Amino acid sequence: MQLSILTSITGIVLLGYILELLRRQQLREKYAAIWLSIGVVIAPLGFFPDLLDSTARRLGVASGASLVLFVGFVLVLLVSLHLSWESSRLEAETRTLAEDVALIRAQLAKQGTPPGTPPAPSAAPVDEGEAGP
């Protein structure tokens, strides 16, 4: 009984925390959808623990705890794979940006402008009608 209450509270707290991260814009929507789905699955399992055991039996798994452990392991593998993919993509993007910056610096050096100094503002065209005496 205590474990089911703890599971329910954990699911509800997880949902609240995810919603708060979304509200503060600290979690992107595509990741929030995954975590909200997990929270929506966890909360009812705490309120109805027999649901997990009956689902495990229907799937041919010995116990509900084994099913949760297996699903959790698969989720960790999928999240790890996704984060590796994101990291590789961002590394390639960073490399491209660094190459672009190097090319811009080389062009500035060729023009005689030292790197790190902003380009000089171009002189405003003088209207011939407003020219002095």
N, C-alpha and C. Protein backbone atom coordinates (compact mmCIF):
# COMPACT_ATOMS: atom_id res chain seq x y z
N MET A 1 0.82 -1.20 0.00
CA MET A 1 0.00 0.00 0.00
C MET A 1 0.86 1.26 0.00
N GLN A 2 1.93 1.27 0.81
CA GLN A 2 2.78 2.44 0.88
C GLN A 2 3.50 2.67 -0.44
N LEU A 3 3.90 1.58 -1.11
CA LEU A 3 4.59 1.71 -2.39
C LEU A 3 3.66 2.29 -3.45
N SER A 4 2.40 1.92 -3.45
CA SER A 4 1.47 2.47 -4.44
C SER A 4 1.23 3.95 -4.19
N ILE A 5 1.19 4.36 -2.92
CA ILE A 5 1.02 5.78 -2.61
C ILE A 5 2.26 6.55 -3.05
N LEU A 6 3.44 5.99 -2.77
CA LEU A 6 4.69 6.64 -3.18
C LEU A 6 4.77 6.76 -4.71
N THR A 7 4.36 5.71 -5.41
CA THR A 7 4.37 5.74 -6.87
C THR A 7 3.41 6.81 -7.40
N SER A 8 2.24 6.90 -6.82
CA SER A 8 1.26 7.91 -7.25
C SER A 8 1.78 9.31 -7.01
N ILE A 9 2.33 9.53 -5.83
CA ILE A 9 2.86 10.86 -5.51
C ILE A 9 4.02 11.20 -6.45
N THR A 10 4.88 10.22 -6.73
CA THR A 10 6.01 10.45 -7.64
C THR A 10 5.51 10.83 -9.03
N GLY A 11 4.50 10.14 -9.53
CA GLY A 11 3.94 10.47 -10.84
C GLY A 11 3.35 11.86 -10.90
N ILE A 12 2.63 12.24 -9.86
CA ILE A 12 2.01 13.57 -9.83
C ILE A 12 3.07 14.66 -9.71
N VAL A 13 4.08 14.43 -8.86
CA VAL A 13 5.16 15.41 -8.73
C VAL A 13 5.92 15.54 -10.04
N LEU A 14 6.16 14.41 -10.71
CA LEU A 14 6.84 14.43 -12.01
C LEU A 14 6.05 15.26 -13.03
N LEU A 15 4.75 15.06 -13.08
CA LEU A 15 3.91 15.84 -14.00
C LEU A 15 3.97 17.33 -13.66
N GLY A 16 3.88 17.66 -12.38
CA GLY A 16 3.95 19.06 -11.98
C GLY A 16 5.28 19.70 -12.32
N TYR A 17 6.37 18.96 -12.09
CA TYR A 17 7.70 19.49 -12.37
C TYR A 17 7.90 19.71 -13.88
N ILE A 18 7.42 18.79 -14.69
CA ILE A 18 7.54 18.94 -16.15
C ILE A 18 6.74 20.16 -16.62
N LEU A 19 5.54 20.32 -16.09
CA LEU A 19 4.73 21.49 -16.46
C LEU A 19 5.41 22.78 -16.04
N GLU A 20 6.06 22.78 -14.88
CA GLU A 20 6.78 23.97 -14.42
C GLU A 20 7.98 24.28 -15.32
N LEU A 21 8.72 23.25 -15.72
CA LEU A 21 9.84 23.45 -16.65
C LEU A 21 9.35 24.00 -17.99
N LEU A 22 8.21 23.52 -18.44
CA LEU A 22 7.63 24.05 -19.68
C LEU A 22 7.23 25.51 -19.51
N ARG A 23 6.63 25.83 -18.38
CA ARG A 23 6.19 27.20 -18.12
C ARG A 23 7.37 28.16 -18.11
N ARG A 24 8.48 27.72 -17.54
CA ARG A 24 9.70 28.55 -17.49
C ARG A 24 10.51 28.49 -18.78
N GLN A 25 10.04 27.71 -19.74
CA GLN A 25 10.70 27.53 -21.03
C GLN A 25 12.11 26.96 -20.86
N GLN A 26 12.28 26.05 -19.91
CA GLN A 26 13.55 25.39 -19.68
C GLN A 26 13.55 23.98 -20.27
N LEU A 27 12.43 23.55 -20.80
CA LEU A 27 12.31 22.24 -21.42
C LEU A 27 11.56 22.41 -22.72
N ARG A 28 12.12 21.89 -23.80
CA ARG A 28 11.47 22.02 -25.10
C ARG A 28 10.27 21.09 -25.17
N GLU A 29 9.32 21.48 -26.00
CA GLU A 29 8.06 20.75 -26.09
C GLU A 29 8.25 19.31 -26.55
N LYS A 30 9.21 19.09 -27.46
CA LYS A 30 9.37 17.72 -27.97
C LYS A 30 9.83 16.77 -26.88
N TYR A 31 10.63 17.26 -25.92
CA TYR A 31 11.05 16.42 -24.81
C TYR A 31 9.95 16.34 -23.75
N ALA A 32 9.22 17.40 -23.57
CA ALA A 32 8.16 17.43 -22.57
C ALA A 32 7.08 16.41 -22.90
N ALA A 33 6.80 16.22 -24.17
CA ALA A 33 5.77 15.25 -24.56
C ALA A 33 6.14 13.85 -24.10
N ILE A 34 7.40 13.50 -24.23
CA ILE A 34 7.85 12.18 -23.80
C ILE A 34 7.71 12.04 -22.29
N TRP A 35 8.20 13.04 -21.56
CA TRP A 35 8.17 12.96 -20.10
C TRP A 35 6.75 13.04 -19.55
N LEU A 36 5.90 13.83 -20.19
CA LEU A 36 4.50 13.88 -19.76
C LEU A 36 3.82 12.53 -19.97
N SER A 37 4.14 11.88 -21.08
CA SER A 37 3.58 10.55 -21.34
C SER A 37 4.00 9.56 -20.25
N ILE A 38 5.27 9.62 -19.87
CA ILE A 38 5.75 8.73 -18.82
C ILE A 38 5.04 9.03 -17.50
N GLY A 39 4.88 10.31 -17.19
CA GLY A 39 4.19 10.69 -15.95
C GLY A 39 2.73 10.26 -15.95
N VAL A 40 2.08 10.36 -17.10
CA VAL A 40 0.67 9.96 -17.21
C VAL A 40 0.53 8.44 -17.03
N VAL A 41 1.55 7.69 -17.41
CA VAL A 41 1.51 6.23 -17.22
C VAL A 41 1.83 5.87 -15.78
N ILE A 42 2.78 6.57 -15.17
CA ILE A 42 3.20 6.23 -13.81
C ILE A 42 2.12 6.53 -12.78
N ALA A 43 1.46 7.67 -12.88
CA ALA A 43 0.48 8.07 -11.86
C ALA A 43 -0.66 7.05 -11.69
N PRO A 44 -1.32 6.59 -12.77
CA PRO A 44 -2.40 5.61 -12.56
C PRO A 44 -1.91 4.27 -12.03
N LEU A 45 -0.66 3.90 -12.37
CA LEU A 45 -0.15 2.63 -11.86
C LEU A 45 -0.03 2.67 -10.34
N GLY A 46 0.22 3.83 -9.79
CA GLY A 46 0.27 3.94 -8.34
C GLY A 46 -1.11 3.84 -7.71
N PHE A 47 -2.10 4.41 -8.39
CA PHE A 47 -3.46 4.34 -7.86
C PHE A 47 -4.07 2.96 -8.04
N PHE A 48 -3.69 2.28 -9.12
CA PHE A 48 -4.24 0.94 -9.43
C PHE A 48 -3.09 -0.04 -9.64
N PRO A 49 -2.43 -0.51 -8.58
CA PRO A 49 -1.27 -1.39 -8.74
C PRO A 49 -1.61 -2.73 -9.38
N ASP A 50 -2.84 -3.20 -9.25
CA ASP A 50 -3.22 -4.48 -9.87
C ASP A 50 -3.21 -4.37 -11.39
N LEU A 51 -3.37 -3.17 -11.90
CA LEU A 51 -3.34 -2.95 -13.35
C LEU A 51 -2.00 -3.35 -13.93
N LEU A 52 -0.92 -3.07 -13.22
CA LEU A 52 0.43 -3.42 -13.69
C LEU A 52 0.61 -4.92 -13.72
N ASP A 53 0.18 -5.61 -12.67
CA ASP A 53 0.34 -7.07 -12.64
C ASP A 53 -0.50 -7.74 -13.71
N SER A 54 -1.72 -7.27 -13.93
CA SER A 54 -2.56 -7.89 -14.97
C SER A 54 -1.98 -7.62 -16.36
N THR A 55 -1.43 -6.43 -16.57
CA THR A 55 -0.79 -6.13 -17.86
C THR A 55 0.43 -7.01 -18.06
N ALA A 56 1.22 -7.20 -17.02
CA ALA A 56 2.41 -8.06 -17.11
C ALA A 56 2.00 -9.50 -17.44
N ARG A 57 0.95 -10.01 -16.79
CA ARG A 57 0.50 -11.37 -17.07
C ARG A 57 0.03 -11.51 -18.52
N ARG A 58 -0.70 -10.50 -19.02
CA ARG A 58 -1.15 -10.54 -20.42
C ARG A 58 0.01 -10.55 -21.40
N LEU A 59 1.10 -9.88 -21.03
CA LEU A 59 2.28 -9.83 -21.91
C LEU A 59 3.21 -11.02 -21.70
N GLY A 60 2.90 -11.87 -20.74
CA GLY A 60 3.72 -13.05 -20.49
C GLY A 60 4.94 -12.77 -19.62
N VAL A 61 4.90 -11.70 -18.86
CA VAL A 61 6.01 -11.36 -17.96
C VAL A 61 5.65 -11.86 -16.57
N ALA A 62 6.65 -12.35 -15.84
CA ALA A 62 6.42 -12.97 -14.54
C ALA A 62 5.77 -12.03 -13.54
N SER A 63 6.23 -10.79 -13.45
CA SER A 63 5.65 -9.87 -12.47
C SER A 63 5.65 -8.45 -13.03
N GLY A 64 4.86 -7.61 -12.37
CA GLY A 64 4.78 -6.22 -12.78
C GLY A 64 6.10 -5.50 -12.59
N ALA A 65 6.82 -5.86 -11.54
CA ALA A 65 8.12 -5.22 -11.29
C ALA A 65 9.11 -5.52 -12.42
N SER A 66 9.08 -6.74 -12.93
CA SER A 66 9.96 -7.09 -14.05
C SER A 66 9.60 -6.29 -15.29
N LEU A 67 8.32 -6.09 -15.51
CA LEU A 67 7.87 -5.31 -16.66
C LEU A 67 8.33 -3.86 -16.55
N VAL A 68 8.17 -3.28 -15.35
CA VAL A 68 8.60 -1.89 -15.14
C VAL A 68 10.10 -1.77 -15.34
N LEU A 69 10.87 -2.73 -14.83
CA LEU A 69 12.32 -2.70 -14.97
C LEU A 69 12.72 -2.80 -16.45
N PHE A 70 12.08 -3.68 -17.19
CA PHE A 70 12.40 -3.83 -18.61
C PHE A 70 12.04 -2.57 -19.40
N VAL A 71 10.85 -2.05 -19.18
CA VAL A 71 10.42 -0.84 -19.90
C VAL A 71 11.31 0.34 -19.53
N GLY A 72 11.68 0.45 -18.26
CA GLY A 72 12.58 1.52 -17.83
C GLY A 72 13.94 1.40 -18.50
N PHE A 73 14.46 0.19 -18.60
CA PHE A 73 15.74 -0.04 -19.26
C PHE A 73 15.68 0.35 -20.73
N VAL A 74 14.60 -0.03 -21.41
CA VAL A 74 14.43 0.33 -22.82
C VAL A 74 14.33 1.85 -22.97
N LEU A 75 13.60 2.50 -22.09
CA LEU A 75 13.47 3.96 -22.15
C LEU A 75 14.82 4.64 -21.95
N VAL A 76 15.62 4.15 -21.00
CA VAL A 76 16.95 4.73 -20.78
C VAL A 76 17.81 4.55 -22.02
N LEU A 77 17.75 3.40 -22.64
CA LEU A 77 18.52 3.18 -23.88
C LEU A 77 18.06 4.12 -24.99
N LEU A 78 16.76 4.30 -25.14
CA LEU A 78 16.25 5.19 -26.18
C LEU A 78 16.63 6.65 -25.92
N VAL A 79 16.54 7.09 -24.68
CA VAL A 79 16.93 8.46 -24.34
C VAL A 79 18.42 8.65 -24.58
N SER A 80 19.22 7.65 -24.20
CA SER A 80 20.66 7.73 -24.42
C SER A 80 20.99 7.80 -25.91
N LEU A 81 20.32 7.01 -26.71
CA LEU A 81 20.53 7.03 -28.16
C LEU A 81 20.13 8.38 -28.74
N HIS A 82 19.01 8.92 -28.30
CA HIS A 82 18.56 10.21 -28.80
C HIS A 82 19.53 11.33 -28.42
N LEU A 83 20.01 11.30 -27.19
CA LEU A 83 20.96 12.33 -26.75
C LEU A 83 22.28 12.22 -27.50
N SER A 84 22.71 11.01 -27.82
CA SER A 84 23.92 10.82 -28.63
C SER A 84 23.72 11.40 -30.02
N TRP A 85 22.55 11.18 -30.59
CA TRP A 85 22.25 11.73 -31.91
C TRP A 85 22.24 13.26 -31.87
N GLU A 86 21.59 13.83 -30.85
CA GLU A 86 21.55 15.29 -30.72
C GLU A 86 22.96 15.85 -30.54
N SER A 87 23.78 15.18 -29.74
CA SER A 87 25.15 15.63 -29.50
C SER A 87 25.96 15.61 -30.80
N SER A 88 25.82 14.56 -31.58
CA SER A 88 26.53 14.47 -32.86
C SER A 88 26.08 15.57 -33.82
N ARG A 89 24.79 15.82 -33.85
CA ARG A 89 24.26 16.85 -34.74
C ARG A 89 24.77 18.24 -34.32
N LEU A 90 24.76 18.50 -33.03
CA LEU A 90 25.24 19.80 -32.54
C LEU A 90 26.75 19.95 -32.74
N GLU A 91 27.49 18.87 -32.62
CA GLU A 91 28.93 18.92 -32.85
C GLU A 91 29.22 19.27 -34.31
N ALA A 92 28.48 18.68 -35.24
CA ALA A 92 28.66 19.00 -36.65
C ALA A 92 28.28 20.45 -36.93
N GLU A 93 27.22 20.93 -36.32
CA GLU A 93 26.80 22.31 -36.50
C GLU A 93 27.84 23.28 -35.94
N THR A 94 28.41 22.94 -34.78
CA THR A 94 29.45 23.78 -34.18
C THR A 94 30.68 23.82 -35.07
N ARG A 95 31.06 22.69 -35.63
CA ARG A 95 32.21 22.64 -36.53
C ARG A 95 31.98 23.52 -37.75
N THR A 96 30.79 23.47 -38.32
CA THR A 96 30.46 24.30 -39.48
C THR A 96 30.52 25.78 -39.12
N LEU A 97 29.98 26.13 -37.97
CA LEU A 97 30.02 27.53 -37.54
C LEU A 97 31.45 28.00 -37.29
N ALA A 98 32.28 27.14 -36.71
CA ALA A 98 33.68 27.50 -36.46
C ALA A 98 34.42 27.71 -37.79
N GLU A 99 34.11 26.89 -38.79
CA GLU A 99 34.73 27.06 -40.10
C GLU A 99 34.28 28.37 -40.75
N ASP A 100 33.01 28.71 -40.59
CA ASP A 100 32.50 29.97 -41.13
C ASP A 100 33.18 31.16 -40.48
N VAL A 101 33.36 31.10 -39.16
CA VAL A 101 34.04 32.18 -38.45
C VAL A 101 35.48 32.30 -38.92
N ALA A 102 36.16 31.17 -39.11
CA ALA A 102 37.55 31.20 -39.59
C ALA A 102 37.64 31.83 -40.97
N LEU A 103 36.68 31.51 -41.85
CA LEU A 103 36.68 32.11 -43.19
C LEU A 103 36.44 33.62 -43.12
N ILE A 104 35.53 34.04 -42.26
CA ILE A 104 35.26 35.47 -42.12
C ILE A 104 36.49 36.19 -41.57
N ARG A 105 37.16 35.59 -40.60
CA ARG A 105 38.38 36.19 -40.05
C ARG A 105 39.47 36.27 -41.12
N ALA A 106 39.57 35.25 -41.94
CA ALA A 106 40.58 35.26 -43.01
C ALA A 106 40.28 36.37 -44.01
N GLN A 107 39.01 36.56 -44.34
CA GLN A 107 38.64 37.65 -45.25
C GLN A 107 38.95 39.01 -44.63
N LEU A 108 38.65 39.17 -43.35
CA LEU A 108 38.94 40.43 -42.67
C LEU A 108 40.44 40.68 -42.62
N ALA A 109 41.22 39.64 -42.38
CA ALA A 109 42.67 39.80 -42.33
C ALA A 109 43.21 40.18 -43.71
N LYS A 110 42.60 39.62 -44.75
CA LYS A 110 43.01 39.94 -46.12
C LYS A 110 42.71 41.41 -46.43
N GLN A 111 41.64 41.93 -45.85
CA GLN A 111 41.27 43.33 -46.08
C GLN A 111 42.04 44.28 -45.18
N GLY A 112 42.78 43.74 -44.24
CA GLY A 112 43.57 44.56 -43.34
C GLY A 112 42.86 44.93 -42.07
N THR A 113 41.70 44.42 -41.83
CA THR A 113 40.96 44.70 -40.60
C THR A 113 41.35 43.64 -39.57
N PRO A 114 41.89 44.07 -38.42
CA PRO A 114 42.26 43.07 -37.41
C PRO A 114 41.02 42.36 -36.88
N PRO A 115 41.13 41.05 -36.61
CA PRO A 115 39.98 40.31 -36.07
C PRO A 115 39.56 40.88 -34.72
N GLY A 116 38.29 40.90 -34.49
CA GLY A 116 37.75 41.38 -33.23
C GLY A 116 37.32 42.83 -33.26
N THR A 117 37.71 43.57 -34.30
CA THR A 117 37.27 44.96 -34.40
C THR A 117 36.08 45.03 -35.32
N PRO A 118 35.09 45.80 -34.95
CA PRO A 118 33.91 45.90 -35.81
C PRO A 118 34.26 46.65 -37.08
N PRO A 119 33.61 46.33 -38.17
CA PRO A 119 33.89 47.04 -39.41
C PRO A 119 33.53 48.52 -39.27
N ALA A 120 34.32 49.36 -39.92
CA ALA A 120 34.08 50.81 -39.86
C ALA A 120 32.79 51.13 -40.58
N PRO A 121 31.99 52.05 -40.00
CA PRO A 121 30.74 52.41 -40.67
C PRO A 121 31.06 53.13 -41.98
N SER A 122 30.27 52.82 -42.97
CA SER A 122 30.50 53.46 -44.26
C SER A 122 30.05 54.92 -44.18
N ALA A 123 30.78 55.77 -44.90
CA ALA A 123 30.46 57.19 -44.91
C ALA A 123 29.13 57.39 -45.60
N ALA A 124 28.31 58.25 -45.03
CA ALA A 124 27.00 58.53 -45.61
C ALA A 124 27.20 59.32 -46.89
N PRO A 125 26.46 59.00 -47.93
CA PRO A 125 26.61 59.75 -49.17
C PRO A 125 26.22 61.21 -48.98
N VAL A 126 27.00 62.05 -49.58
CA VAL A 126 26.75 63.50 -49.46
C VAL A 126 25.90 63.92 -50.64
N ASP A 127 24.81 64.59 -50.31
CA ASP A 127 23.93 65.08 -51.37
C ASP A 127 24.57 66.33 -51.95
N GLU A 128 24.72 66.37 -53.26
CA GLU A 128 25.43 67.47 -53.91
C GLU A 128 24.72 68.81 -53.70
N GLY A 129 23.43 68.77 -53.50
CA GLY A 129 22.68 70.00 -53.29
C GLY A 129 22.95 70.61 -51.93
N GLU A 130 23.42 69.78 -50.97
CA GLU A 130 23.67 70.27 -49.63
C GLU A 130 25.15 70.59 -49.41
N ALA A 131 25.96 70.47 -50.43
CA ALA A 131 27.38 70.71 -50.27
C ALA A 131 27.63 72.15 -49.91
N GLY A 132 28.66 72.37 -49.12
CA GLY A 132 29.00 73.71 -48.64
C GLY A 132 29.49 74.61 -49.76
N PRO A 133 29.97 75.86 -49.42
CA PRO A 133 30.37 76.85 -50.43
C PRO A 133 31.53 76.45 -51.26
